[in-house]
Amino acid sequence: MKVAKKLCLAILISLGVCALFGCGSAVTSEQLPGVYVYQGESFSGMEGDDFTITLEADGSYSFYESMLSSYIGTGSWQLENGVLTLTEDENIGYNMTNRFRVDGKTLRFVEKDSDNFIYLKLADGAKFCRAKA
């Protein structure tokens, strides 16, 4: 009887921890490709001028900050321990590296050890959500 009570208590505690902190498995590199849209104000301030980051399945990416700029950044991405690292192609662009914490379908900018972007300077935790397909 005591074993059953301990088992039930352990299960209840586990469920409580999952409810508080989430039980989902970590996002894999295969699940990450898609278009992510910045949830803050655009550089131009115009509706529909979205800052987007597009992750491709082949490990490449592109970003587009604003229709006020013709620049489209490109490079490669890598996911390690829940952190997405975008490394811009130095032969084409600005040789920037930016990092994001991955939380399901959301990317959150990590200011520390990131170079930031050209026109929009993101604050730590700035949010990009995956666009609906």
C-alpha atoms as a PDB file:
ATOM      1  CA  MET A   1       0.000   0.000   0.000  1.00  0.00           C
ATOM      2  CA  LYS A   2       2.806   2.418   0.864  1.00  0.00           C
ATOM      3  CA  VAL A   3       4.462   1.701  -2.507  1.00  0.00           C
ATOM      4  CA  ALA A   4       1.234   2.568  -4.357  1.00  0.00           C
ATOM      5  CA  LYS A   5       0.925   5.854  -2.452  1.00  0.00           C
ATOM      6  CA  LYS A   6       4.540   6.757  -3.238  1.00  0.00           C
ATOM      7  CA  LEU A   7       4.017   5.896  -6.912  1.00  0.00           C
ATOM      8  CA  CYS A   8       0.854   8.019  -7.081  1.00  0.00           C
ATOM      9  CA  LEU A   9       2.655  10.898  -5.381  1.00  0.00           C
ATOM     10  CA  ALA A  10       5.564  10.633  -7.841  1.00  0.00           C
ATOM     11  CA  ILE A  11       3.153  10.675 -10.788  1.00  0.00           C
ATOM     12  CA  LEU A  12       1.308  13.716  -9.403  1.00  0.00           C
ATOM     13  CA  ILE A  13       4.568  15.582  -8.854  1.00  0.00           C
ATOM     14  CA  SER A  14       5.704  14.734 -12.402  1.00  0.00           C
ATOM     15  CA  LEU A  15       2.415  15.979 -13.833  1.00  0.00           C
ATOM     16  CA  GLY A  16       2.708  19.174 -11.816  1.00  0.00           C
ATOM     17  CA  VAL A  17       6.245  19.804 -13.073  1.00  0.00           C
ATOM     18  CA  CYS A  18       5.067  19.205 -16.665  1.00  0.00           C
ATOM     19  CA  ALA A  19       2.158  21.590 -16.191  1.00  0.00           C
ATOM     20  CA  LEU A  20       4.462  24.315 -14.869  1.00  0.00           C
ATOM     21  CA  PHE A  21       7.443  23.905 -17.176  1.00  0.00           C
ATOM     22  CA  GLY A  22       6.151  21.979 -20.173  1.00  0.00           C
ATOM     23  CA  CYS A  23       6.748  18.382 -21.137  1.00  0.00           C
ATOM     24  CA  GLY A  24       7.261  18.797 -24.850  1.00  0.00           C
ATOM     25  CA  SER A  25      10.364  17.460 -26.463  1.00  0.00           C
ATOM     26  CA  ALA A  26      12.953  19.843 -27.816  1.00  0.00           C
ATOM     27  CA  VAL A  27      12.577  21.120 -31.366  1.00  0.00           C
ATOM     28  CA  THR A  28      14.824  19.299 -33.831  1.00  0.00           C
ATOM     29  CA  SER A  29      16.646  20.703 -36.858  1.00  0.00           C
ATOM     30  CA  GLU A  30      14.138  18.907 -39.077  1.00  0.00           C
ATOM     31  CA  GLN A  31      11.204  20.755 -37.457  1.00  0.00           C
ATOM     32  CA  LEU A  32      12.746  24.231 -37.608  1.00  0.00           C
ATOM     33  CA  PRO A  33      12.648  25.245 -41.320  1.00  0.00           C
ATOM     34  CA  GLY A  34      10.005  27.845 -42.146  1.00  0.00           C
ATOM     35  CA  VAL A  35       9.359  31.582 -42.152  1.00  0.00           C
ATOM     36  CA  TYR A  36       9.531  33.462 -38.838  1.00  0.00           C
ATOM     37  CA  VAL A  37       8.034  36.953 -38.470  1.00  0.00           C
ATOM     38  CA  TYR A  38       9.218  39.607 -35.997  1.00  0.00           C
ATOM     39  CA  GLN A  39       6.474  40.511 -33.517  1.00  0.00           C
ATOM     40  CA  GLY A  40       7.651  44.069 -32.876  1.00  0.00           C
ATOM     41  CA  GLU A  41       7.264  47.259 -34.864  1.00  0.00           C
ATOM     42  CA  SER A  42       8.770  47.211 -38.337  1.00  0.00           C
ATOM     43  CA  PHE A  43      11.697  49.413 -39.324  1.00  0.00           C
ATOM     44  CA  SER A  44       9.472  51.477 -41.621  1.00  0.00           C
ATOM     45  CA  GLY A  45       6.559  51.557 -39.182  1.00  0.00           C
ATOM     46  CA  MET A  46       4.311  50.514 -42.067  1.00  0.00           C
ATOM     47  CA  GLU A  47       1.842  47.677 -41.689  1.00  0.00           C
ATOM     48  CA  GLY A  48       2.765  44.652 -43.774  1.00  0.00           C
ATOM     49  CA  ASP A  49       6.483  45.505 -43.846  1.00  0.00           C
ATOM     50  CA  ASP A  50       7.509  42.459 -41.848  1.00  0.00           C
ATOM     51  CA  PHE A  51      11.023  41.603 -40.718  1.00  0.00           C
ATOM     52  CA  THR A  52      11.307  37.923 -41.638  1.00  0.00           C
ATOM     53  CA  ILE A  53      13.818  35.159 -41.164  1.00  0.00           C
ATOM     54  CA  THR A  54      13.475  32.157 -43.475  1.00  0.00           C
ATOM     55  CA  LEU A  55      15.168  28.907 -42.434  1.00  0.00           C
ATOM     56  CA  GLU A  56      15.658  26.342 -45.207  1.00  0.00           C
ATOM     57  CA  ALA A  57      15.921  22.566 -44.688  1.00  0.00           C
ATOM     58  CA  ASP A  58      19.400  22.540 -46.274  1.00  0.00           C
ATOM     59  CA  GLY A  59      20.800  24.651 -43.396  1.00  0.00           C
ATOM     60  CA  SER A  60      20.737  27.979 -45.249  1.00  0.00           C
ATOM     61  CA  TYR A  61      18.733  31.044 -44.228  1.00  0.00           C
ATOM     62  CA  SER A  62      17.816  34.504 -45.398  1.00  0.00           C
ATOM     63  CA  PHE A  63      16.496  37.571 -43.621  1.00  0.00           C
ATOM     64  CA  TYR A  64      14.719  40.665 -44.837  1.00  0.00           C
ATOM     65  CA  GLU A  65      14.404  43.621 -42.466  1.00  0.00           C
ATOM     66  CA  SER A  66      12.313  46.116 -44.417  1.00  0.00           C
ATOM     67  CA  MET A  67      10.993  47.175 -47.784  1.00  0.00           C
ATOM     68  CA  LEU A  68      13.012  50.368 -47.226  1.00  0.00           C
ATOM     69  CA  SER A  69      16.141  48.306 -47.863  1.00  0.00           C
ATOM     70  CA  SER A  70      17.080  46.186 -50.842  1.00  0.00           C
ATOM     71  CA  TYR A  71      19.421  44.101 -48.646  1.00  0.00           C
ATOM     72  CA  ILE A  72      18.584  40.439 -48.085  1.00  0.00           C
ATOM     73  CA  GLY A  73      21.009  38.727 -45.719  1.00  0.00           C
ATOM     74  CA  THR A  74      21.958  35.096 -46.333  1.00  0.00           C
ATOM     75  CA  GLY A  75      24.027  32.479 -44.590  1.00  0.00           C
ATOM     76  CA  SER A  76      23.809  29.213 -42.716  1.00  0.00           C
ATOM     77  CA  TRP A  77      22.019  28.157 -39.543  1.00  0.00           C
ATOM     78  CA  GLN A  78      22.726  25.584 -36.859  1.00  0.00           C
ATOM     79  CA  LEU A  79      20.666  24.351 -33.905  1.00  0.00           C
ATOM     80  CA  GLU A  80      22.505  23.206 -30.803  1.00  0.00           C
ATOM     81  CA  ASN A  81      21.114  22.727 -27.291  1.00  0.00           C
ATOM     82  CA  GLY A  82      17.991  24.752 -28.082  1.00  0.00           C
ATOM     83  CA  VAL A  83      19.954  27.722 -29.461  1.00  0.00           C
ATOM     84  CA  LEU A  84      19.670  28.666 -33.126  1.00  0.00           C
ATOM     85  CA  THR A  85      22.795  30.329 -34.528  1.00  0.00           C
ATOM     86  CA  LEU A  86      22.566  32.303 -37.763  1.00  0.00           C
ATOM     87  CA  THR A  87      25.921  32.999 -39.431  1.00  0.00           C
ATOM     88  CA  GLU A  88      25.819  35.370 -42.358  1.00  0.00           C
ATOM     89  CA  ASP A  89      27.914  34.610 -45.436  1.00  0.00           C
ATOM     90  CA  GLU A  90      30.902  36.962 -45.068  1.00  0.00           C
ATOM     91  CA  ASN A  91      31.645  36.812 -48.808  1.00  0.00           C
ATOM     92  CA  ILE A  92      28.248  38.329 -49.606  1.00  0.00           C
ATOM     93  CA  GLY A  93      27.100  40.174 -46.508  1.00  0.00           C
ATOM     94  CA  TYR A  94      28.156  41.723 -43.241  1.00  0.00           C
ATOM     95  CA  ASN A  95      29.712  38.699 -41.485  1.00  0.00           C
ATOM     96  CA  MET A  96      27.184  38.811 -38.626  1.00  0.00           C
ATOM     97  CA  THR A  97      26.284  36.070 -36.179  1.00  0.00           C
ATOM     98  CA  ASN A  98      22.987  36.149 -34.291  1.00  0.00           C
ATOM     99  CA  ARG A  99      21.532  33.721 -31.780  1.00  0.00           C
ATOM    100  CA  PHE A 100      17.993  32.795 -30.781  1.00  0.00           C
ATOM    101  CA  ARG A 101      16.493  30.559 -28.103  1.00  0.00           C
ATOM    102  CA  VAL A 102      14.046  28.151 -29.725  1.00  0.00           C
ATOM    103  CA  ASP A 103      10.745  27.636 -27.947  1.00  0.00           C
ATOM    104  CA  GLY A 104       8.433  25.541 -30.116  1.00  0.00           C
ATOM    105  CA  LYS A 105       7.413  27.754 -33.030  1.00  0.00           C
ATOM    106  CA  THR A 106       8.951  30.864 -31.486  1.00  0.00           C
ATOM    107  CA  LEU A 107      12.455  32.282 -31.768  1.00  0.00           C
ATOM    108  CA  ARG A 108      13.651  34.683 -29.047  1.00  0.00           C
ATOM    109  CA  PHE A 109      16.665  36.847 -29.773  1.00  0.00           C
ATOM    110  CA  VAL A 110      19.700  36.335 -27.518  1.00  0.00           C
ATOM    111  CA  GLU A 111      21.525  39.657 -27.355  1.00  0.00           C
ATOM    112  CA  LYS A 112      24.616  38.246 -25.644  1.00  0.00           C
ATOM    113  CA  ASP A 113      27.199  37.114 -28.222  1.00  0.00           C
ATOM    114  CA  SER A 114      25.017  38.350 -31.122  1.00  0.00           C
ATOM    115  CA  ASP A 115      26.012  41.078 -33.575  1.00  0.00           C
ATOM    116  CA  ASN A 116      22.377  42.186 -34.053  1.00  0.00           C
ATOM    117  CA  PHE A 117      20.948  43.276 -37.383  1.00  0.00           C
ATOM    118  CA  ILE A 118      21.496  46.241 -39.694  1.00  0.00           C
ATOM    119  CA  TYR A 119      18.420  48.475 -39.392  1.00  0.00           C
ATOM    120  CA  LEU A 120      16.453  47.043 -36.485  1.00  0.00           C
ATOM    121  CA  LYS A 121      18.446  46.597 -33.316  1.00  0.00           C
ATOM    122  CA  LEU A 122      16.664  43.861 -31.410  1.00  0.00           C
ATOM    123  CA  ALA A 123      16.406  43.769 -27.639  1.00  0.00           C
ATOM    124  CA  ASP A 124      17.162  40.589 -25.735  1.00  0.00           C
ATOM    125  CA  GLY A 125      14.114  38.324 -25.943  1.00  0.00           C
ATOM    126  CA  ALA A 126      12.657  39.940 -29.091  1.00  0.00           C
ATOM    127  CA  LYS A 127      10.166  37.483 -30.515  1.00  0.00           C
ATOM    128  CA  PHE A 128       9.783  35.950 -33.981  1.00  0.00           C
ATOM    129  CA  CYS A 129       6.813  33.601 -34.516  1.00  0.00           C
ATOM    130  CA  ARG A 130       6.544  30.981 -37.215  1.00  0.00           C
ATOM    131  CA  ALA A 131       4.211  32.086 -40.003  1.00  0.00           C
ATOM    132  CA  LYS A 132       1.247  29.861 -40.712  1.00  0.00           C
ATOM    133  CA  ALA A 133       1.762  27.779 -43.835  1.00  0.00           C
END
